[in-house]
C-alpha atoms as a PDB file:
ATOM      1  CA  MET A   1     -23.027  -0.348  39.432  1.00  0.00           C
ATOM      2  CA  ARG A   2     -25.682  -0.930  36.642  1.00  0.00           C
ATOM      3  CA  TRP A   3     -24.747   2.614  35.181  1.00  0.00           C
ATOM      4  CA  ALA A   4     -21.077   1.561  34.810  1.00  0.00           C
ATOM      5  CA  LEU A   5     -22.256  -1.498  32.649  1.00  0.00           C
ATOM      6  CA  GLY A   6     -24.286   1.007  30.594  1.00  0.00           C
ATOM      7  CA  ILE A   7     -21.314   3.353  30.114  1.00  0.00           C
ATOM      8  CA  THR A   8     -18.992   0.470  29.182  1.00  0.00           C
ATOM      9  CA  GLN A   9     -21.458  -0.773  26.617  1.00  0.00           C
ATOM     10  CA  ALA A  10     -21.948   2.513  25.109  1.00  0.00           C
ATOM     11  CA  LEU A  11     -18.240   3.243  24.695  1.00  0.00           C
ATOM     12  CA  THR A  12     -17.603  -0.283  23.325  1.00  0.00           C
ATOM     13  CA  ASP A  13     -20.434   0.493  20.694  1.00  0.00           C
ATOM     14  CA  TYR A  14     -18.910   3.812  19.915  1.00  0.00           C
ATOM     15  CA  ILE A  15     -15.505   2.169  19.256  1.00  0.00           C
ATOM     16  CA  ARG A  16     -16.927  -0.408  17.089  1.00  0.00           C
ATOM     17  CA  HIS A  17     -18.636   2.117  15.121  1.00  0.00           C
ATOM     18  CA  LEU A  18     -15.371   4.178  14.654  1.00  0.00           C
ATOM     19  CA  ARG A  19     -13.416   1.027  13.574  1.00  0.00           C
ATOM     20  CA  GLN A  20     -16.172   0.342  10.973  1.00  0.00           C
ATOM     21  CA  ASP A  21     -15.899   3.847   9.608  1.00  0.00           C
ATOM     22  CA  ARG A  22     -12.106   3.437   9.147  1.00  0.00           C
ATOM     23  CA  ILE A  23     -12.706   0.087   7.283  1.00  0.00           C
ATOM     24  CA  LEU A  24     -15.273   1.692   5.065  1.00  0.00           C
ATOM     25  CA  ASP A  25     -12.906   4.406   4.168  1.00  0.00           C
ATOM     26  CA  LEU A  26     -10.417   2.017   2.843  1.00  0.00           C
ATOM     27  CA  PHE A  27     -12.829   0.645   0.224  1.00  0.00           C
ATOM     28  CA  GLY A  28     -11.423   1.468  -3.268  1.00  0.00           C
ATOM     29  CA  LYS A  29      -8.069   2.443  -1.695  1.00  0.00           C
ATOM     30  CA  VAL A  30      -6.409  -0.906  -1.390  1.00  0.00           C
ATOM     31  CA  GLU A  31      -4.661  -2.377  -4.418  1.00  0.00           C
ATOM     32  CA  PHE A  32      -4.307  -6.196  -4.679  1.00  0.00           C
ATOM     33  CA  ASP A  33      -1.752  -8.006  -6.360  1.00  0.00           C
ATOM     34  CA  PRO A  34      -3.420  -9.854  -9.349  1.00  0.00           C
ATOM     35  CA  ASP A  35      -0.705 -12.462  -9.081  1.00  0.00           C
ATOM     36  CA  TYR A  36      -1.121 -13.429  -5.472  1.00  0.00           C
ATOM     37  CA  ASP A  37      -1.994 -17.068  -5.252  1.00  0.00           C
ATOM     38  CA  TYR A  38      -3.615 -17.550  -1.802  1.00  0.00           C
ATOM     39  CA  LYS A  39      -3.785 -21.345  -2.235  1.00  0.00           C
ATOM     40  CA  ARG A  40      -0.015 -21.739  -2.734  1.00  0.00           C
ATOM     41  CA  GLN A  41       0.454 -19.420   0.310  1.00  0.00           C
ATOM     42  CA  ARG A  42      -1.777 -21.714   2.500  1.00  0.00           C
ATOM     43  CA  ALA A  43       0.260 -24.782   1.430  1.00  0.00           C
ATOM     44  CA  ARG A  44       3.406 -23.369   2.859  1.00  0.00           C
ATOM     45  CA  ALA A  45       1.903 -23.120   6.545  1.00  0.00           C
END
C-alpha cells in the first residue's frame, strides 16, 4: 500500500503544479475596477 501513497502524492503535486501555471497565466490579463471599494463591500456583510 505504500506505493499507493506515493502515487497519490505525485498526482496531488502534479495537479497543484497545473493550477499554479493557470494562475500565473492570468497575471497581466485581469482588469481591476479602480472604483471598487473593498472596505465598503466588507461593511455590508
